[in-house]
């Protein structure tokens, strides 16, 4: 035994050289790692951005009080902000950093007429383990908004698409801000804010408006063939169902909707079903599959139907939109799609000519009342 111990305790010259090389490798690795944590020309990985997250996965588990199987019921809501911009842009995202980057870049290219703008990015947490997607957070943290305030909000629990839409805009009573909610797989036209300024100024005084869609193309939700289009030469029209490829809520209508949802969603016997439309059929299919938590819009559709509210849609040439959707892989698409419609590139003076009362279309795209100047 002594002989064996002596044998293994003796270090050969070859082993000594290996140990020196190992020590040198460890030193180089440590120095490289330190360089990635400080501002230096050798900082290639920006590791500090990953460590600076305000809420870690471990902390998230102490914050969560909601069973993942329980639908979001309207709580928590975003805190009422002391900042009252002219425009608040709300971007909702989960785990698509490349989509987020594309949308944020298009927002930087838009025209805001030197108005006060606040851009809020809301990142949802994983339903499985409560984590924030690092690539998405990193993309958001590296972005620089050129036109106003910018803030990243990490949800303190998984809220799903319901919480992303219903819980992220909670304007103070004294605020007159315009808000627009954008999912991450969109691109905006550089003219989107000009359109929103015009339509809010023209129609916010109406009590029958739910909000303002930005998309240029939509299906007919009653099941009729073809895309939804208003009368020729009309730049906009009213339609019973919201558009989710960029939606700007009417402030009072949205407040009433959220308050109603907070109560209605807690009734286990209530189903937000509207007769004669495709979304009701989709809801019933999703219900059998246990997937209704991906269809928050059904609640808004029901509320608008029950309160006789309308969404204003653009009706521009060639179905050009103020947004386009890339229909990427997520809750509603499998991915691999091209944009659904062309994006508005040039603003024409005729787009300022908004009627006093726009034409109204039913769920099959039939004109039920013409515009009034």
Protein backbone atom coordinates (compact mmCIF):
# COMPACT_ATOMS: atom_id res chain seq x y z
CA UNK A 1 0.00 0.00 0.00
CA UNK A 2 2.84 2.38 0.86
CA UNK A 3 4.44 1.70 -2.50
CA UNK A 4 1.22 2.52 -4.33
CA UNK A 5 0.75 5.77 -2.35
CA UNK A 6 4.28 6.83 -3.13
CA UNK A 7 3.78 5.97 -6.76
CA UNK A 8 0.67 8.14 -7.14
CA UNK A 9 2.07 11.05 -5.11
CA UNK A 10 5.08 11.48 -7.36
CA UNK A 11 4.51 14.08 -10.05
CA UNK A 12 6.23 13.48 -13.34
CA UNK A 13 7.59 16.42 -15.39
CA UNK A 14 4.79 15.80 -17.91
CA UNK A 15 2.12 16.10 -15.25
CA UNK A 16 3.64 19.34 -13.96
CA UNK A 17 3.47 20.84 -17.45
CA UNK A 18 -0.19 19.78 -17.75
CA UNK A 19 -0.99 21.42 -14.40
CA UNK A 20 0.63 24.67 -15.50
CA UNK A 21 -1.36 24.66 -18.73
CA UNK A 22 -4.55 23.99 -16.75
CA UNK A 23 -3.80 26.87 -14.36
CA UNK A 24 -3.13 29.17 -17.31
CA UNK A 25 -6.41 28.14 -18.96
CA UNK A 26 -8.34 28.81 -15.73
CA UNK A 27 -6.76 32.27 -15.40
CA UNK A 28 -7.57 33.19 -19.00
CA UNK A 29 -11.16 31.97 -18.56
CA UNK A 30 -11.61 34.04 -15.38
CA UNK A 31 -10.21 37.17 -17.02
CA UNK A 32 -12.48 36.67 -20.05
CA UNK A 33 -15.50 36.19 -17.78
CA UNK A 34 -14.72 39.39 -15.86
CA UNK A 35 -14.43 41.30 -19.15
CA UNK A 36 -17.97 40.22 -20.05
CA UNK A 37 -19.31 41.85 -16.87
CA UNK A 38 -17.73 45.30 -17.31
CA UNK A 39 -17.63 47.95 -19.98
CA UNK A 40 -14.55 47.10 -22.03
CA UNK A 41 -13.61 46.55 -25.65
CA UNK A 42 -13.38 42.82 -24.86
CA UNK A 43 -17.00 42.60 -23.70
CA UNK A 44 -18.55 40.46 -26.43
CA UNK A 45 -21.34 38.64 -24.60
CA UNK A 46 -22.90 41.41 -22.45
CA UNK A 47 -23.62 38.91 -19.69
CA UNK A 48 -24.56 41.67 -17.29
CA UNK A 49 -27.77 42.23 -19.22
CA UNK A 50 -28.89 38.75 -18.20
CA UNK A 51 -28.01 39.25 -14.55
CA UNK A 52 -29.67 42.67 -14.27
CA UNK A 53 -33.21 41.32 -14.66
CA UNK A 54 -35.43 42.88 -11.99
CA UNK A 55 -37.23 39.62 -11.15
CA UNK A 56 -35.54 36.23 -11.29
CA UNK A 57 -37.20 32.87 -11.76
CA UNK A 58 -36.66 32.05 -8.08
CA UNK A 59 -38.22 35.33 -6.93
CA UNK A 60 -41.13 34.81 -9.31
CA UNK A 61 -42.13 31.62 -7.52
CA UNK A 62 -42.52 33.57 -4.28
CA UNK A 63 -44.70 36.16 -6.05
CA UNK A 64 -47.10 33.78 -7.75
CA UNK A 65 -50.48 33.36 -6.11
CA UNK A 66 -52.42 32.25 -9.19
CA UNK A 67 -52.93 28.64 -10.15
CA UNK A 68 -51.76 28.25 -13.75
CA UNK A 69 -55.06 26.57 -14.56
CA UNK A 70 -57.08 29.57 -13.38
CA UNK A 71 -58.07 32.11 -16.00
CA UNK A 72 -56.94 35.69 -15.57
CA UNK A 73 -59.92 37.58 -14.12
CA UNK A 74 -58.79 41.16 -14.57
CA UNK A 75 -56.41 41.35 -11.62
CA UNK A 76 -53.77 42.56 -11.29
CA UNK A 77 -54.12 45.61 -13.51
CA UNK A 78 -51.25 47.84 -14.50
CA UNK A 79 -50.67 50.62 -11.98
CA UNK A 80 -52.16 53.97 -12.92
CA UNK A 81 -49.23 55.92 -14.33
CA UNK A 82 -48.34 59.43 -13.24
CA UNK A 83 -47.04 59.96 -16.78
CA UNK A 84 -49.74 61.24 -19.12
CA UNK A 85 -48.43 61.04 -22.69
CA UNK A 86 -50.30 61.91 -25.85
CA UNK A 87 -49.74 58.33 -27.01
CA UNK A 88 -49.03 55.19 -25.01
CA UNK A 89 -47.81 52.25 -27.10
CA UNK A 90 -48.27 48.89 -25.37
CA UNK A 91 -46.30 45.99 -26.86
CA UNK A 92 -47.14 42.53 -25.49
CA UNK A 93 -44.62 39.73 -25.94
CA UNK A 94 -43.62 36.36 -24.53
CA UNK A 95 -40.82 34.49 -26.33
CA UNK A 96 -40.31 35.87 -29.85
CA UNK A 97 -37.26 38.17 -29.70
CA UNK A 98 -36.86 38.50 -33.48
CA UNK A 99 -40.50 39.49 -33.90
CA UNK A 100 -40.16 41.99 -31.08
CA UNK A 101 -37.08 43.56 -32.62
CA UNK A 102 -38.82 43.97 -35.99
CA UNK A 103 -41.84 45.64 -34.38
CA UNK A 104 -39.74 47.95 -32.21
CA UNK A 105 -37.68 49.05 -35.20
CA UNK A 106 -40.85 49.91 -37.13
CA UNK A 107 -42.06 51.97 -34.15
CA UNK A 108 -38.82 53.93 -34.26
CA UNK A 109 -39.48 54.75 -37.93
CA UNK A 110 -42.98 56.14 -37.34
CA UNK A 111 -43.90 59.83 -37.30
CA UNK A 112 -45.11 61.18 -33.94
CA UNK A 113 -45.18 64.92 -34.75
CA UNK A 114 -43.08 65.67 -31.64
CA UNK A 115 -45.97 64.57 -29.40
CA UNK A 116 -45.27 63.04 -26.00
CA UNK A 117 -44.99 59.28 -26.46
CA UNK A 118 -44.51 56.45 -23.96
CA UNK A 119 -43.55 52.96 -25.14
CA UNK A 120 -44.23 50.09 -22.71
CA UNK A 121 -43.08 46.54 -23.42
CA UNK A 122 -44.85 43.89 -21.34
CA UNK A 123 -43.14 40.48 -21.13
CA UNK A 124 -45.19 37.53 -19.90
CA UNK A 125 -43.76 34.69 -17.86
CA UNK A 126 -43.66 31.01 -18.67
CA UNK A 127 -46.74 29.09 -17.60
CA UNK A 128 -44.51 26.12 -16.79
CA UNK A 129 -41.87 27.58 -14.49
CA UNK A 130 -42.56 31.31 -14.20
CA UNK A 131 -39.39 32.34 -16.01
CA UNK A 132 -38.82 35.31 -18.31
CA UNK A 133 -37.52 34.39 -21.78
CA UNK A 134 -33.94 35.69 -21.70
CA UNK A 135 -33.61 36.38 -25.42
CA UNK A 136 -36.80 38.44 -25.40
CA UNK A 137 -35.73 40.43 -22.35
CA UNK A 138 -32.29 41.00 -23.85
CA UNK A 139 -33.78 42.28 -27.12
CA UNK A 140 -36.08 44.65 -25.24
CA UNK A 141 -33.27 45.89 -22.98
CA UNK A 142 -30.95 46.64 -25.91
CA UNK A 143 -33.55 48.69 -27.80
CA UNK A 144 -33.43 52.49 -27.67
CA UNK A 145 -36.67 54.33 -28.40
CA UNK A 146 -35.97 57.60 -30.20
CA UNK A 147 -39.27 59.38 -29.64
CA UNK A 148 -40.03 59.39 -25.91
CA UNK A 149 -40.13 57.33 -22.74
CA UNK A 150 -39.44 53.61 -22.77
CA UNK A 151 -40.06 51.02 -20.06
CA UNK A 152 -39.88 47.23 -19.85
CA UNK A 153 -42.43 45.53 -17.59
CA UNK A 154 -41.79 41.94 -16.50
CA UNK A 155 -45.09 40.50 -15.33
CA UNK A 156 -44.79 39.22 -11.76
CA UNK A 157 -46.71 36.06 -12.68
CA UNK A 158 -47.90 34.25 -15.78
CA UNK A 159 -50.97 36.13 -17.06
CA UNK A 160 -51.37 34.68 -20.55
CA UNK A 161 -52.88 36.48 -23.51
CA UNK A 162 -55.85 37.55 -21.35
CA UNK A 163 -53.68 39.47 -18.91
CA UNK A 164 -51.49 40.87 -21.66
CA UNK A 165 -54.49 42.49 -23.34
CA UNK A 166 -56.85 43.23 -20.48
CA UNK A 167 -54.40 44.10 -17.73
CA UNK A 168 -51.77 46.33 -19.32
CA UNK A 169 -53.66 49.60 -19.87
CA UNK A 170 -55.17 51.29 -16.84
CA UNK A 171 -55.26 55.05 -17.53
CA UNK A 172 -55.66 57.54 -14.71
CA UNK A 173 -59.02 59.38 -14.68
CA UNK A 174 -57.35 62.67 -15.54
CA UNK A 175 -55.43 61.21 -18.49
CA UNK A 176 -56.55 61.82 -22.07
CA UNK A 177 -53.87 59.60 -23.59
CA UNK A 178 -54.41 57.53 -26.71
CA UNK A 179 -53.37 53.90 -26.22
CA UNK A 180 -52.63 51.24 -28.80
CA UNK A 181 -52.02 47.56 -28.00
CA UNK A 182 -49.71 45.65 -30.33
CA UNK A 183 -48.79 41.99 -30.30
CA UNK A 184 -45.17 41.31 -31.17
CA UNK A 185 -45.70 39.76 -34.63
CA UNK A 186 -46.85 43.06 -36.15
CA UNK A 187 -45.18 45.82 -38.12
CA UNK A 188 -46.60 49.34 -38.02
CA UNK A 189 -46.85 51.87 -40.82
CA UNK A 190 -44.95 55.09 -40.23
CA UNK A 191 -48.35 56.79 -40.52
CA UNK A 192 -50.16 54.75 -37.85
CA UNK A 193 -50.15 57.54 -35.25
CA UNK A 194 -51.44 60.12 -37.71
CA UNK A 195 -54.43 57.84 -38.33
CA UNK A 196 -55.02 57.31 -34.62
CA UNK A 197 -54.83 61.03 -33.83
CA UNK A 198 -57.40 61.77 -36.50
CA UNK A 199 -59.92 59.07 -35.62
CA UNK A 200 -59.72 59.60 -31.87
CA UNK A 201 -60.27 63.32 -32.33
CA UNK A 202 -63.20 62.70 -34.66
CA UNK A 203 -65.01 59.86 -32.88
CA UNK A 204 -64.01 59.72 -29.21
CA UNK A 205 -67.10 61.77 -28.40
CA UNK A 206 -69.33 58.92 -29.54
CA UNK A 207 -70.67 56.49 -26.96
CA UNK A 208 -71.12 53.61 -29.41
CA UNK A 209 -67.43 53.14 -30.32
CA UNK A 210 -65.44 50.31 -28.73
CA UNK A 211 -62.16 51.29 -30.35
CA UNK A 212 -60.12 51.60 -33.51
CA UNK A 213 -58.60 48.79 -35.57
CA UNK A 214 -55.38 49.33 -37.50
CA UNK A 215 -55.42 46.33 -39.82
CA UNK A 216 -56.35 46.78 -43.45
CA UNK A 217 -57.78 43.32 -44.05
CA UNK A 218 -60.09 41.03 -42.11
CA UNK A 219 -62.38 38.08 -42.58
CA UNK A 220 -66.15 38.49 -42.39
CA UNK A 221 -66.96 37.05 -39.00
CA UNK A 222 -70.44 35.94 -40.01
CA UNK A 223 -68.91 33.44 -42.42
CA UNK A 224 -69.57 35.18 -45.76
CA UNK A 225 -66.93 34.75 -48.46
CA UNK A 226 -64.24 37.30 -49.24
CA UNK A 227 -62.40 39.90 -47.21
CA UNK A 228 -64.10 42.65 -45.27
CA UNK A 229 -64.33 45.91 -47.25
CA UNK A 230 -66.35 49.08 -46.83
CA UNK A 231 -68.03 51.10 -49.58
CA UNK A 232 -65.79 52.46 -52.33
CA UNK A 233 -64.44 55.96 -51.63
CA UNK A 234 -65.09 55.62 -47.88
CA UNK A 235 -61.86 55.83 -45.87
CA UNK A 236 -63.35 54.05 -42.85
CA UNK A 237 -66.37 52.11 -41.64
CA UNK A 238 -67.88 50.74 -38.43
CA UNK A 239 -68.01 47.00 -37.77
CA UNK A 240 -69.34 45.01 -34.78
CA UNK A 241 -66.13 43.09 -33.99
CA UNK A 242 -62.71 44.37 -32.96
CA UNK A 243 -59.51 43.82 -34.91
CA UNK A 244 -56.60 42.44 -32.89
CA UNK A 245 -53.79 43.24 -35.33
CA UNK A 246 -53.29 46.53 -33.54
CA UNK A 247 -56.21 47.89 -31.51
CA UNK A 248 -56.64 51.32 -29.94
CA UNK A 249 -59.41 51.23 -27.32
CA UNK A 250 -61.96 53.97 -26.78
CA UNK A 251 -61.07 55.03 -23.24
CA UNK A 252 -64.51 54.88 -21.59
CA UNK A 253 -65.67 51.82 -23.50
CA UNK A 254 -62.50 49.98 -22.47
CA UNK A 255 -62.93 50.92 -18.83
CA UNK A 256 -66.48 49.56 -18.86
CA UNK A 257 -65.31 46.40 -20.61
CA UNK A 258 -62.58 45.68 -18.04
CA UNK A 259 -64.95 46.31 -15.12
CA UNK A 260 -67.55 44.01 -16.66
CA UNK A 261 -64.97 41.31 -17.40
CA UNK A 262 -63.70 41.33 -13.82
CA UNK A 263 -67.17 40.25 -12.69
CA UNK A 264 -68.42 38.16 -15.62
CA UNK A 265 -65.29 36.01 -15.89
CA UNK A 266 -65.75 34.78 -12.31
CA UNK A 267 -69.14 33.25 -13.07
CA UNK A 268 -68.37 29.60 -13.95
CA UNK A 269 -71.75 29.20 -15.67
CA UNK A 270 -71.36 32.17 -18.02
CA UNK A 271 -70.27 31.69 -21.64
CA UNK A 272 -69.60 34.77 -23.84
CA UNK A 273 -71.41 33.37 -26.87
CA UNK A 274 -72.78 35.57 -29.66
CA UNK A 275 -75.21 33.97 -32.15
CA UNK A 276 -74.41 33.72 -35.84
CA UNK A 277 -70.66 34.34 -35.87
CA UNK A 278 -67.59 32.20 -36.47
CA UNK A 279 -65.80 33.19 -33.23
CA UNK A 280 -68.58 31.51 -31.24
CA UNK A 281 -67.94 28.28 -33.16
CA UNK A 282 -64.20 28.61 -32.53
CA UNK A 283 -64.82 29.17 -28.83
CA UNK A 284 -66.93 26.03 -28.59
CA UNK A 285 -64.23 23.98 -30.33
CA UNK A 286 -61.52 25.44 -28.08
CA UNK A 287 -63.68 24.72 -25.06
CA UNK A 288 -63.76 21.03 -25.92
CA UNK A 289 -59.99 21.13 -26.40
CA UNK A 290 -59.39 23.07 -23.18
CA UNK A 291 -57.91 26.02 -25.10
CA UNK A 292 -60.30 28.93 -24.45
CA UNK A 293 -57.57 30.67 -22.45
CA UNK A 294 -56.08 31.62 -25.83
CA UNK A 295 -59.20 33.52 -26.97
CA UNK A 296 -59.58 36.63 -24.83
CA UNK A 297 -61.22 38.46 -27.76
CA UNK A 298 -64.46 36.45 -27.36
CA UNK A 299 -65.18 38.37 -24.18
CA UNK A 300 -64.72 41.71 -25.94
CA UNK A 301 -66.88 40.53 -28.86
CA UNK A 302 -69.67 39.60 -26.46
CA UNK A 303 -69.40 42.88 -24.53
CA UNK A 304 -69.53 44.92 -27.75
CA UNK A 305 -72.50 42.90 -29.03
CA UNK A 306 -74.39 43.22 -25.75
CA UNK A 307 -73.78 46.98 -25.57
CA UNK A 308 -74.18 47.72 -29.30
CA UNK A 309 -70.61 48.95 -29.71
CA UNK A 310 -68.68 49.26 -32.97
CA UNK A 311 -65.03 49.19 -33.99
CA UNK A 312 -63.81 51.66 -36.61
CA UNK A 313 -61.74 50.08 -39.40
CA UNK A 314 -59.63 51.80 -42.07
CA UNK A 315 -60.87 51.30 -45.63
CA UNK A 316 -57.85 52.40 -47.63
CA UNK A 317 -57.01 51.50 -51.25
CA UNK A 318 -55.81 47.91 -51.84
CA UNK A 319 -56.70 47.06 -48.22
CA UNK A 320 -53.57 48.81 -47.03
CA UNK A 321 -53.22 48.71 -43.28
CA UNK A 322 -51.67 50.82 -40.56
CA UNK A 323 -50.31 47.48 -39.33
CA UNK A 324 -49.52 44.14 -40.91
CA UNK A 325 -49.40 40.78 -39.15
CA UNK A 326 -46.68 38.25 -39.93
CA UNK A 327 -48.89 35.49 -38.46
CA UNK A 328 -45.97 33.77 -36.79
CA UNK A 329 -46.00 30.61 -34.70
CA UNK A 330 -47.83 31.11 -31.42
CA UNK A 331 -51.30 30.71 -29.95
CA UNK A 332 -53.16 31.32 -33.21
CA UNK A 333 -50.86 30.38 -36.10
CA UNK A 334 -48.41 27.61 -36.89
CA UNK A 335 -45.93 29.98 -38.51
CA UNK A 336 -44.40 30.17 -41.95
CA UNK A 337 -46.89 32.76 -43.18
CA UNK A 338 -46.31 35.95 -45.12
CA UNK A 339 -47.86 39.30 -44.12
CA UNK A 340 -51.64 39.27 -44.50
CA UNK A 341 -51.96 42.62 -46.24
CA UNK A 342 -49.88 45.50 -47.62
CA UNK A 343 -48.66 48.24 -45.31
CA UNK A 344 -49.58 51.88 -45.93
CA UNK A 345 -46.48 53.67 -47.23
CA UNK A 346 -47.75 57.03 -48.49
CA UNK A 347 -50.27 59.31 -46.81
CA UNK A 348 -52.86 60.92 -49.06
CA UNK A 349 -54.85 64.07 -48.13
CA UNK A 350 -58.07 62.11 -48.73
CA UNK A 351 -57.33 60.01 -45.64
CA UNK A 352 -58.05 63.08 -43.52
CA UNK A 353 -61.61 63.26 -44.90
CA UNK A 354 -63.41 61.37 -42.15
CA UNK A 355 -67.22 61.34 -42.29
CA UNK A 356 -69.32 62.57 -39.39
CA UNK A 357 -70.99 59.16 -39.20
CA UNK A 358 -69.18 56.31 -40.97
CA UNK A 359 -71.02 53.55 -42.81
CA UNK A 360 -71.93 50.51 -40.73
CA UNK A 361 -71.40 46.92 -41.87
CA UNK A 362 -72.86 43.76 -40.35
CA UNK A 363 -70.83 40.64 -39.54
CA UNK A 364 -71.14 39.44 -43.15
CA UNK A 365 -69.82 42.71 -44.56
CA UNK A 366 -73.21 43.98 -45.74
CA UNK A 367 -73.73 47.74 -45.53
CA UNK A 368 -76.62 48.41 -43.15
CA UNK A 369 -76.26 52.20 -43.08
CA UNK A 370 -74.30 54.58 -45.31
CA UNK A 371 -71.98 57.31 -44.16
CA UNK A 372 -73.29 60.75 -43.25
CA UNK A 373 -71.05 63.74 -43.80
